[in-house]
């Protein structure tokens, strides 16, 4: 179903088109909400063309796409109409350098303590070896001086490659060790901007729902499974069972994820 071919004057509004498609598909607001994870009051507001509760245009577009998929409606004309009625989509050109700058700032360089420790050990072992061999030469200096024609033997040297530093164990992940292994624990941080999050357990019970402002974090724990929905996924830093999950999604996208106590399997 598409509204892109009707005359401009006869086109229904974005909310009216979604509502008409939902009714035509024989779905209730509650059923659409359960399918899309968009809250019932928000579905009702969007069908009345009230986007003030979406948290911004980026979230509004994501909700429109989700609702359109649920009722088998082409989302592109709806997004175009929404952009035309709300000032249009922001220009993409300046957004790319801003996004890269935020990524650079959000990943500060951490000191490499392991390399520093190995370098220090190598220096200590080298100094001890040098002192040992040069000290032995000095203790025999009297016998060498007794011979008029005797020449002082050069101190033996060792090539740096023959000095092997002790093997240092890998640092333990205290964050992982401190978490309960029979539960799934998720920590969400709005690192690069605000994000809307929703979390439910395996039975559909709502564990968390709301807007996470930039810099804020939420920790969610369940004994079975957590179904997670992230708005503006590219701005979020996600830890599952103490391990960071990379490449969640791009800025402005809505991602739906599910984790159990054994996740993530890798990383």
C-alpha atoms as a PDB file:
ATOM      1  CA  UNK A   1       0.000   0.000   0.000  1.00  0.00           C
ATOM      2  CA  UNK A   2       1.374   3.415  -0.913  1.00  0.00           C
ATOM      3  CA  UNK A   3       0.187   7.016  -0.677  1.00  0.00           C
ATOM      4  CA  UNK A   4       2.864   8.300  -3.059  1.00  0.00           C
ATOM      5  CA  UNK A   5       0.674   8.210  -6.220  1.00  0.00           C
ATOM      6  CA  UNK A   6      -2.325  10.203  -4.978  1.00  0.00           C
ATOM      7  CA  UNK A   7      -2.607  13.944  -5.699  1.00  0.00           C
ATOM      8  CA  UNK A   8      -1.031  16.177  -3.063  1.00  0.00           C
ATOM      9  CA  UNK A   9      -4.347  17.722  -2.075  1.00  0.00           C
ATOM     10  CA  UNK A  10      -6.002  14.319  -1.602  1.00  0.00           C
ATOM     11  CA  UNK A  11      -3.185  12.716   0.367  1.00  0.00           C
ATOM     12  CA  UNK A  12      -4.061  11.841   3.948  1.00  0.00           C
ATOM     13  CA  UNK A  13      -1.754  13.049   6.692  1.00  0.00           C
ATOM     14  CA  UNK A  14       1.010  10.768   7.962  1.00  0.00           C
ATOM     15  CA  UNK A  15      -0.937   9.782  11.052  1.00  0.00           C
ATOM     16  CA  UNK A  16      -4.207   9.302   9.147  1.00  0.00           C
ATOM     17  CA  UNK A  17      -2.472   7.074   6.575  1.00  0.00           C
ATOM     18  CA  UNK A  18      -1.001   4.893   9.314  1.00  0.00           C
ATOM     19  CA  UNK A  19      -4.328   4.651  11.126  1.00  0.00           C
ATOM     20  CA  UNK A  20      -6.220   3.794   7.933  1.00  0.00           C
ATOM     21  CA  UNK A  21      -3.676   1.095   7.024  1.00  0.00           C
ATOM     22  CA  UNK A  22      -3.834  -0.381  10.543  1.00  0.00           C
ATOM     23  CA  UNK A  23      -7.631  -0.595  10.460  1.00  0.00           C
ATOM     24  CA  UNK A  24      -7.515  -2.040   6.957  1.00  0.00           C
ATOM     25  CA  UNK A  25      -5.109  -4.724   8.165  1.00  0.00           C
ATOM     26  CA  UNK A  26      -7.475  -5.597  11.021  1.00  0.00           C
ATOM     27  CA  UNK A  27      -4.980  -4.696  13.725  1.00  0.00           C
ATOM     28  CA  UNK A  28      -5.560  -2.950  17.036  1.00  0.00           C
ATOM     29  CA  UNK A  29      -3.318  -0.286  18.536  1.00  0.00           C
ATOM     30  CA  UNK A  30      -2.238  -2.809  21.162  1.00  0.00           C
ATOM     31  CA  UNK A  31      -1.229  -5.355  18.521  1.00  0.00           C
ATOM     32  CA  UNK A  32       0.797  -2.783  16.563  1.00  0.00           C
ATOM     33  CA  UNK A  33       2.464  -1.671  19.800  1.00  0.00           C
ATOM     34  CA  UNK A  34       3.424  -5.254  20.681  1.00  0.00           C
ATOM     35  CA  UNK A  35       4.872  -5.825  17.185  1.00  0.00           C
ATOM     36  CA  UNK A  36       6.861  -2.584  16.922  1.00  0.00           C
ATOM     37  CA  UNK A  37       7.719  -2.064  20.624  1.00  0.00           C
ATOM     38  CA  UNK A  38       6.348   1.466  20.270  1.00  0.00           C
ATOM     39  CA  UNK A  39       4.288   2.370  23.343  1.00  0.00           C
ATOM     40  CA  UNK A  40       0.511   2.494  23.003  1.00  0.00           C
ATOM     41  CA  UNK A  41       0.166   6.232  23.910  1.00  0.00           C
ATOM     42  CA  UNK A  42       2.865   7.049  21.350  1.00  0.00           C
ATOM     43  CA  UNK A  43       1.117   5.023  18.608  1.00  0.00           C
ATOM     44  CA  UNK A  44      -2.119   6.863  19.359  1.00  0.00           C
ATOM     45  CA  UNK A  45      -0.362  10.259  19.308  1.00  0.00           C
ATOM     46  CA  UNK A  46       1.336   9.555  15.960  1.00  0.00           C
ATOM     47  CA  UNK A  47      -1.984   8.518  14.404  1.00  0.00           C
ATOM     48  CA  UNK A  48      -3.267  11.956  15.459  1.00  0.00           C
ATOM     49  CA  UNK A  49      -0.194  13.602  13.836  1.00  0.00           C
ATOM     50  CA  UNK A  50       1.190  14.536  17.242  1.00  0.00           C
ATOM     51  CA  UNK A  51       4.958  13.919  17.047  1.00  0.00           C
ATOM     52  CA  UNK A  52       5.878  16.003  20.086  1.00  0.00           C
ATOM     53  CA  UNK A  53       6.205  12.903  22.265  1.00  0.00           C
ATOM     54  CA  UNK A  54       8.703  11.179  19.939  1.00  0.00           C
ATOM     55  CA  UNK A  55      11.731  13.005  21.372  1.00  0.00           C
ATOM     56  CA  UNK A  56      12.764  14.662  18.107  1.00  0.00           C
ATOM     57  CA  UNK A  57      12.550  14.254  14.334  1.00  0.00           C
ATOM     58  CA  UNK A  58      15.090  11.412  14.245  1.00  0.00           C
ATOM     59  CA  UNK A  59      12.986   9.297  16.590  1.00  0.00           C
ATOM     60  CA  UNK A  60       9.788  10.302  14.812  1.00  0.00           C
ATOM     61  CA  UNK A  61      11.137   8.978  11.493  1.00  0.00           C
ATOM     62  CA  UNK A  62      12.152   5.718  13.157  1.00  0.00           C
ATOM     63  CA  UNK A  63       8.676   5.278  14.670  1.00  0.00           C
ATOM     64  CA  UNK A  64       7.002   6.043  11.327  1.00  0.00           C
ATOM     65  CA  UNK A  65       9.120   3.383   9.598  1.00  0.00           C
ATOM     66  CA  UNK A  66       8.349   0.802  12.302  1.00  0.00           C
ATOM     67  CA  UNK A  67       4.589   1.472  12.237  1.00  0.00           C
ATOM     68  CA  UNK A  68       4.519   1.446   8.425  1.00  0.00           C
ATOM     69  CA  UNK A  69       6.212  -1.974   8.320  1.00  0.00           C
ATOM     70  CA  UNK A  70       3.750  -3.351  10.843  1.00  0.00           C
ATOM     71  CA  UNK A  71       0.738  -2.418   8.678  1.00  0.00           C
ATOM     72  CA  UNK A  72       2.417  -3.265   5.302  1.00  0.00           C
ATOM     73  CA  UNK A  73       2.630   0.370   4.235  1.00  0.00           C
ATOM     74  CA  UNK A  74       5.373   1.993   2.112  1.00  0.00           C
ATOM     75  CA  UNK A  75       7.268   4.210   4.549  1.00  0.00           C
ATOM     76  CA  UNK A  76       9.127   6.370   2.002  1.00  0.00           C
ATOM     77  CA  UNK A  77       6.198   8.657   1.014  1.00  0.00           C
ATOM     78  CA  UNK A  78       5.301   9.026   4.694  1.00  0.00           C
ATOM     79  CA  UNK A  79       8.851  10.070   5.589  1.00  0.00           C
ATOM     80  CA  UNK A  80       8.943  12.523   2.674  1.00  0.00           C
ATOM     81  CA  UNK A  81       5.664  14.066   3.766  1.00  0.00           C
ATOM     82  CA  UNK A  82       6.844  14.259   7.388  1.00  0.00           C
ATOM     83  CA  UNK A  83      10.071  16.014   6.282  1.00  0.00           C
ATOM     84  CA  UNK A  84       8.084  18.455   4.120  1.00  0.00           C
ATOM     85  CA  UNK A  85       5.798  19.357   7.029  1.00  0.00           C
ATOM     86  CA  UNK A  86       8.576  19.604   9.650  1.00  0.00           C
ATOM     87  CA  UNK A  87      11.297  21.593   7.937  1.00  0.00           C
ATOM     88  CA  UNK A  88      12.970  18.755   6.002  1.00  0.00           C
ATOM     89  CA  UNK A  89      15.762  16.395   6.844  1.00  0.00           C
ATOM     90  CA  UNK A  90      19.057  17.978   8.042  1.00  0.00           C
ATOM     91  CA  UNK A  91      21.796  18.316   5.402  1.00  0.00           C
ATOM     92  CA  UNK A  92      24.019  15.195   5.566  1.00  0.00           C
ATOM     93  CA  UNK A  93      27.300  16.920   4.594  1.00  0.00           C
ATOM     94  CA  UNK A  94      28.149  18.608   7.943  1.00  0.00           C
ATOM     95  CA  UNK A  95      26.873  15.612   9.905  1.00  0.00           C
ATOM     96  CA  UNK A  96      29.706  13.303   8.799  1.00  0.00           C
ATOM     97  CA  UNK A  97      32.639  15.327  10.247  1.00  0.00           C
ATOM     98  CA  UNK A  98      30.642  15.992  13.392  1.00  0.00           C
ATOM     99  CA  UNK A  99      30.036  12.267  13.828  1.00  0.00           C
ATOM    100  CA  UNK A 100      33.695  11.450  13.251  1.00  0.00           C
ATOM    101  CA  UNK A 101      34.785  14.154  15.715  1.00  0.00           C
ATOM    102  CA  UNK A 102      32.454  12.745  18.359  1.00  0.00           C
ATOM    103  CA  UNK A 103      33.814   9.256  17.808  1.00  0.00           C
ATOM    104  CA  UNK A 104      37.375  10.499  18.196  1.00  0.00           C
ATOM    105  CA  UNK A 105      36.545  12.357  21.399  1.00  0.00           C
ATOM    106  CA  UNK A 106      34.607   9.430  22.816  1.00  0.00           C
ATOM    107  CA  UNK A 107      37.554   7.039  22.553  1.00  0.00           C
ATOM    108  CA  UNK A 108      40.412   8.562  24.608  1.00  0.00           C
ATOM    109  CA  UNK A 109      43.785   6.880  24.288  1.00  0.00           C
ATOM    110  CA  UNK A 110      44.572   4.771  27.324  1.00  0.00           C
ATOM    111  CA  UNK A 111      48.120   4.208  28.599  1.00  0.00           C
ATOM    112  CA  UNK A 112      49.592   0.818  27.696  1.00  0.00           C
ATOM    113  CA  UNK A 113      50.605  -0.376  31.153  1.00  0.00           C
ATOM    114  CA  UNK A 114      51.558  -3.862  29.918  1.00  0.00           C
ATOM    115  CA  UNK A 115      54.137  -2.499  27.467  1.00  0.00           C
ATOM    116  CA  UNK A 116      55.540  -0.158  30.113  1.00  0.00           C
ATOM    117  CA  UNK A 117      55.869  -3.031  32.598  1.00  0.00           C
ATOM    118  CA  UNK A 118      57.674  -5.258  30.075  1.00  0.00           C
ATOM    119  CA  UNK A 119      60.070  -2.404  29.166  1.00  0.00           C
ATOM    120  CA  UNK A 120      60.858  -1.811  32.845  1.00  0.00           C
ATOM    121  CA  UNK A 121      61.563  -5.521  33.446  1.00  0.00           C
ATOM    122  CA  UNK A 122      63.861  -5.683  30.407  1.00  0.00           C
ATOM    123  CA  UNK A 123      65.772  -2.621  31.671  1.00  0.00           C
ATOM    124  CA  UNK A 124      66.203  -4.107  35.176  1.00  0.00           C
ATOM    125  CA  UNK A 125      67.361  -7.511  33.853  1.00  0.00           C
ATOM    126  CA  UNK A 126      69.809  -5.834  31.437  1.00  0.00           C
ATOM    127  CA  UNK A 127      71.262  -3.611  34.165  1.00  0.00           C
ATOM    128  CA  UNK A 128      71.656  -6.587  36.546  1.00  0.00           C
ATOM    129  CA  UNK A 129      73.449  -8.622  33.881  1.00  0.00           C
ATOM    130  CA  UNK A 130      75.777  -5.753  33.024  1.00  0.00           C
ATOM    131  CA  UNK A 131      76.614  -5.185  36.701  1.00  0.00           C
ATOM    132  CA  UNK A 132      77.271  -8.905  37.255  1.00  0.00           C
ATOM    133  CA  UNK A 133      79.765  -9.244  34.422  1.00  0.00           C
ATOM    134  CA  UNK A 134      81.595  -5.931  34.939  1.00  0.00           C
ATOM    135  CA  UNK A 135      81.840  -6.589  38.713  1.00  0.00           C
ATOM    136  CA  UNK A 136      83.605  -9.930  38.084  1.00  0.00           C
ATOM    137  CA  UNK A 137      86.255  -8.203  35.989  1.00  0.00           C
ATOM    138  CA  UNK A 138      87.029  -5.680  38.733  1.00  0.00           C
ATOM    139  CA  UNK A 139      87.505  -8.401  41.373  1.00  0.00           C
ATOM    140  CA  UNK A 140      90.311  -9.961  39.322  1.00  0.00           C
ATOM    141  CA  UNK A 141      92.077  -6.675  38.686  1.00  0.00           C
ATOM    142  CA  UNK A 142      94.981  -7.448  41.111  1.00  0.00           C
ATOM    143  CA  UNK A 143      96.143 -10.545  39.238  1.00  0.00           C
ATOM    144  CA  UNK A 144      95.908  -8.750  35.933  1.00  0.00           C
ATOM    145  CA  UNK A 145      98.006  -5.818  37.233  1.00  0.00           C
ATOM    146  CA  UNK A 146     100.724  -8.212  38.543  1.00  0.00           C
ATOM    147  CA  UNK A 147     101.815  -9.096  35.023  1.00  0.00           C
ATOM    148  CA  UNK A 148     103.714  -6.279  33.290  1.00  0.00           C
ATOM    149  CA  UNK A 149     102.673  -7.457  29.856  1.00  0.00           C
ATOM    150  CA  UNK A 150      99.159  -8.633  30.792  1.00  0.00           C
ATOM    151  CA  UNK A 151      96.271  -6.920  29.021  1.00  0.00           C
ATOM    152  CA  UNK A 152      92.915  -6.342  30.546  1.00  0.00           C
ATOM    153  CA  UNK A 153      90.390  -8.690  28.963  1.00  0.00           C
ATOM    154  CA  UNK A 154      87.302  -6.981  27.532  1.00  0.00           C
ATOM    155  CA  UNK A 155      84.143  -7.442  29.514  1.00  0.00           C
ATOM    156  CA  UNK A 156      81.830 -10.042  27.915  1.00  0.00           C
ATOM    157  CA  UNK A 157      78.677  -8.630  26.415  1.00  0.00           C
ATOM    158  CA  UNK A 158      75.311 -10.198  25.769  1.00  0.00           C
ATOM    159  CA  UNK A 159      73.175  -9.401  22.765  1.00  0.00           C
ATOM    160  CA  UNK A 160      69.846  -7.825  23.744  1.00  0.00           C
ATOM    161  CA  UNK A 161      68.009 -10.623  21.926  1.00  0.00           C
ATOM    162  CA  UNK A 162      69.379 -13.184  24.445  1.00  0.00           C
ATOM    163  CA  UNK A 163      67.680 -11.394  27.349  1.00  0.00           C
ATOM    164  CA  UNK A 164      64.161 -12.807  27.608  1.00  0.00           C
ATOM    165  CA  UNK A 165      61.694 -10.925  29.793  1.00  0.00           C
ATOM    166  CA  UNK A 166      59.500 -13.034  32.069  1.00  0.00           C
ATOM    167  CA  UNK A 167      56.085 -13.934  30.721  1.00  0.00           C
ATOM    168  CA  UNK A 168      53.436 -11.704  32.263  1.00  0.00           C
ATOM    169  CA  UNK A 169      49.889 -13.060  32.639  1.00  0.00           C
ATOM    170  CA  UNK A 170      47.023 -11.434  30.724  1.00  0.00           C
ATOM    171  CA  UNK A 171      45.128  -8.937  32.893  1.00  0.00           C
ATOM    172  CA  UNK A 172      41.940 -10.430  34.293  1.00  0.00           C
ATOM    173  CA  UNK A 173      38.604  -8.831  33.408  1.00  0.00           C
ATOM    174  CA  UNK A 174      37.363  -7.905  36.868  1.00  0.00           C
ATOM    175  CA  UNK A 175      34.169  -6.454  35.448  1.00  0.00           C
ATOM    176  CA  UNK A 176      33.188  -9.816  33.930  1.00  0.00           C
ATOM    177  CA  UNK A 177      34.282 -11.803  36.989  1.00  0.00           C
ATOM    178  CA  UNK A 178      32.109  -9.730  39.292  1.00  0.00           C
ATOM    179  CA  UNK A 179      28.871 -10.321  37.354  1.00  0.00           C
ATOM    180  CA  UNK A 180      26.458 -13.206  38.148  1.00  0.00           C
ATOM    181  CA  UNK A 181      26.900 -15.953  35.535  1.00  0.00           C
ATOM    182  CA  UNK A 182      23.292 -17.177  35.818  1.00  0.00           C
ATOM    183  CA  UNK A 183      21.828 -13.803  34.787  1.00  0.00           C
ATOM    184  CA  UNK A 184      22.048 -11.453  31.836  1.00  0.00           C
ATOM    185  CA  UNK A 185      23.246  -7.947  32.680  1.00  0.00           C
ATOM    186  CA  UNK A 186      23.048  -5.065  30.197  1.00  0.00           C
ATOM    187  CA  UNK A 187      24.525  -1.586  30.668  1.00  0.00           C
ATOM    188  CA  UNK A 188      23.452   1.113  28.203  1.00  0.00           C
ATOM    189  CA  UNK A 189      25.210   4.505  28.106  1.00  0.00           C
ATOM    190  CA  UNK A 190      24.084   7.431  25.933  1.00  0.00           C
ATOM    191  CA  UNK A 191      27.666   8.248  24.998  1.00  0.00           C
ATOM    192  CA  UNK A 192      27.325  10.403  21.875  1.00  0.00           C
ATOM    193  CA  UNK A 193      23.775  11.755  22.266  1.00  0.00           C
ATOM    194  CA  UNK A 194      20.401  11.001  23.759  1.00  0.00           C
ATOM    195  CA  UNK A 195      18.672   7.698  22.960  1.00  0.00           C
ATOM    196  CA  UNK A 196      15.288   6.121  23.651  1.00  0.00           C
ATOM    197  CA  UNK A 197      15.554   2.630  25.175  1.00  0.00           C
ATOM    198  CA  UNK A 198      13.041  -0.098  25.973  1.00  0.00           C
ATOM    199  CA  UNK A 199      13.762  -3.466  27.612  1.00  0.00           C
ATOM    200  CA  UNK A 200      11.493  -6.469  28.280  1.00  0.00           C
ATOM    201  CA  UNK A 201      12.046  -9.908  29.734  1.00  0.00           C
ATOM    202  CA  UNK A 202      11.234 -13.184  27.963  1.00  0.00           C
ATOM    203  CA  UNK A 203       7.597 -13.037  29.108  1.00  0.00           C
ATOM    204  CA  UNK A 204       7.121  -9.532  27.692  1.00  0.00           C
ATOM    205  CA  UNK A 205       7.268  -7.761  31.057  1.00  0.00           C
ATOM    206  CA  UNK A 206       8.576  -4.208  30.700  1.00  0.00           C
ATOM    207  CA  UNK A 207      11.868  -3.765  32.569  1.00  0.00           C
ATOM    208  CA  UNK A 208      12.882  -0.289  31.344  1.00  0.00           C
ATOM    209  CA  UNK A 209      11.347   2.311  29.019  1.00  0.00           C
ATOM    210  CA  UNK A 210      12.227   5.950  28.471  1.00  0.00           C
ATOM    211  CA  UNK A 211      14.607   8.551  27.099  1.00  0.00           C
ATOM    212  CA  UNK A 212      18.278   8.307  28.083  1.00  0.00           C
ATOM    213  CA  UNK A 213      19.961  11.716  27.971  1.00  0.00           C
ATOM    214  CA  UNK A 214      23.570  12.120  26.817  1.00  0.00           C
ATOM    215  CA  UNK A 215      25.970  10.919  29.503  1.00  0.00           C
ATOM    216  CA  UNK A 216      23.322   8.896  31.382  1.00  0.00           C
ATOM    217  CA  UNK A 217      23.522   5.108  31.901  1.00  0.00           C
ATOM    218  CA  UNK A 218      21.060   2.341  32.709  1.00  0.00           C
ATOM    219  CA  UNK A 219      21.899  -1.147  34.003  1.00  0.00           C
ATOM    220  CA  UNK A 220      19.276  -3.854  33.455  1.00  0.00           C
ATOM    221  CA  UNK A 221      19.441  -7.421  34.823  1.00  0.00           C
ATOM    222  CA  UNK A 222      17.233 -10.468  34.272  1.00  0.00           C
ATOM    223  CA  UNK A 223      17.656 -14.175  34.973  1.00  0.00           C
ATOM    224  CA  UNK A 224      16.460 -15.345  31.556  1.00  0.00           C
ATOM    225  CA  UNK A 225      16.492 -13.023  28.535  1.00  0.00           C
ATOM    226  CA  UNK A 226      16.367  -9.284  27.805  1.00  0.00           C
ATOM    227  CA  UNK A 227      14.785  -8.001  24.592  1.00  0.00           C
ATOM    228  CA  UNK A 228      16.273  -4.552  23.984  1.00  0.00           C
ATOM    229  CA  UNK A 229      15.149  -1.759  21.637  1.00  0.00           C
ATOM    230  CA  UNK A 230      17.576   1.147  21.057  1.00  0.00           C
ATOM    231  CA  UNK A 231      16.667   4.416  19.378  1.00  0.00           C
ATOM    232  CA  UNK A 232      19.555   6.385  17.855  1.00  0.00           C
ATOM    233  CA  UNK A 233      21.640   3.209  18.197  1.00  0.00           C
ATOM    234  CA  UNK A 234      24.838   4.788  16.869  1.00  0.00           C
ATOM    235  CA  UNK A 235      25.045   7.102  19.898  1.00  0.00           C
ATOM    236  CA  UNK A 236      24.889   4.258  22.434  1.00  0.00           C
ATOM    237  CA  UNK A 237      27.673   2.348  24.177  1.00  0.00           C
ATOM    238  CA  UNK A 238      26.451  -1.164  25.097  1.00  0.00           C
ATOM    239  CA  UNK A 239      27.946  -3.682  27.522  1.00  0.00           C
ATOM    240  CA  UNK A 240      26.435  -7.198  27.779  1.00  0.00           C
ATOM    241  CA  UNK A 241      27.597  -9.351  30.679  1.00  0.00           C
ATOM    242  CA  UNK A 242      30.615  -7.073  31.108  1.00  0.00           C
ATOM    243  CA  UNK A 243      31.719  -7.191  27.462  1.00  0.00           C
ATOM    244  CA  UNK A 244      31.345  -4.261  25.067  1.00  0.00           C
ATOM    245  CA  UNK A 245      29.235  -4.908  21.975  1.00  0.00           C
ATOM    246  CA  UNK A 246      30.677  -3.133  18.920  1.00  0.00           C
ATOM    247  CA  UNK A 247      28.916  -1.950  15.748  1.00  0.00           C
ATOM    248  CA  UNK A 248      25.406  -1.724  17.196  1.00  0.00           C
ATOM    249  CA  UNK A 249      24.040   0.513  14.454  1.00  0.00           C
ATOM    250  CA  UNK A 250      24.172   3.974  12.941  1.00  0.00           C
ATOM    251  CA  UNK A 251      22.960   7.251  14.372  1.00  0.00           C
ATOM    252  CA  UNK A 252      19.244   7.730  13.896  1.00  0.00           C
ATOM    253  CA  UNK A 253      18.490   4.018  13.444  1.00  0.00           C
ATOM    254  CA  UNK A 254      16.319   1.855  15.703  1.00  0.00           C
ATOM    255  CA  UNK A 255      17.866  -1.513  16.602  1.00  0.00           C
ATOM    256  CA  UNK A 256      16.186  -4.507  18.255  1.00  0.00           C
ATOM    257  CA  UNK A 257      18.487  -6.885  20.135  1.00  0.00           C
ATOM    258  CA  UNK A 258      18.077  -9.909  22.411  1.00  0.00           C
ATOM    259  CA  UNK A 259      20.576 -11.293  24.961  1.00  0.00           C
ATOM    260  CA  UNK A 260      20.787 -14.223  27.384  1.00  0.00           C
ATOM    261  CA  UNK A 261      23.240 -15.014  30.239  1.00  0.00           C
ATOM    262  CA  UNK A 262      25.722 -16.644  27.825  1.00  0.00           C
ATOM    263  CA  UNK A 263      25.955 -13.665  25.466  1.00  0.00           C
ATOM    264  CA  UNK A 264      27.870 -12.286  23.731  1.00  0.00           C
ATOM    265  CA  UNK A 265      29.428 -15.402  22.227  1.00  0.00           C
ATOM    266  CA  UNK A 266      32.378 -13.407  20.863  1.00  0.00           C
ATOM    267  CA  UNK A 267      34.022 -10.026  21.620  1.00  0.00           C
END
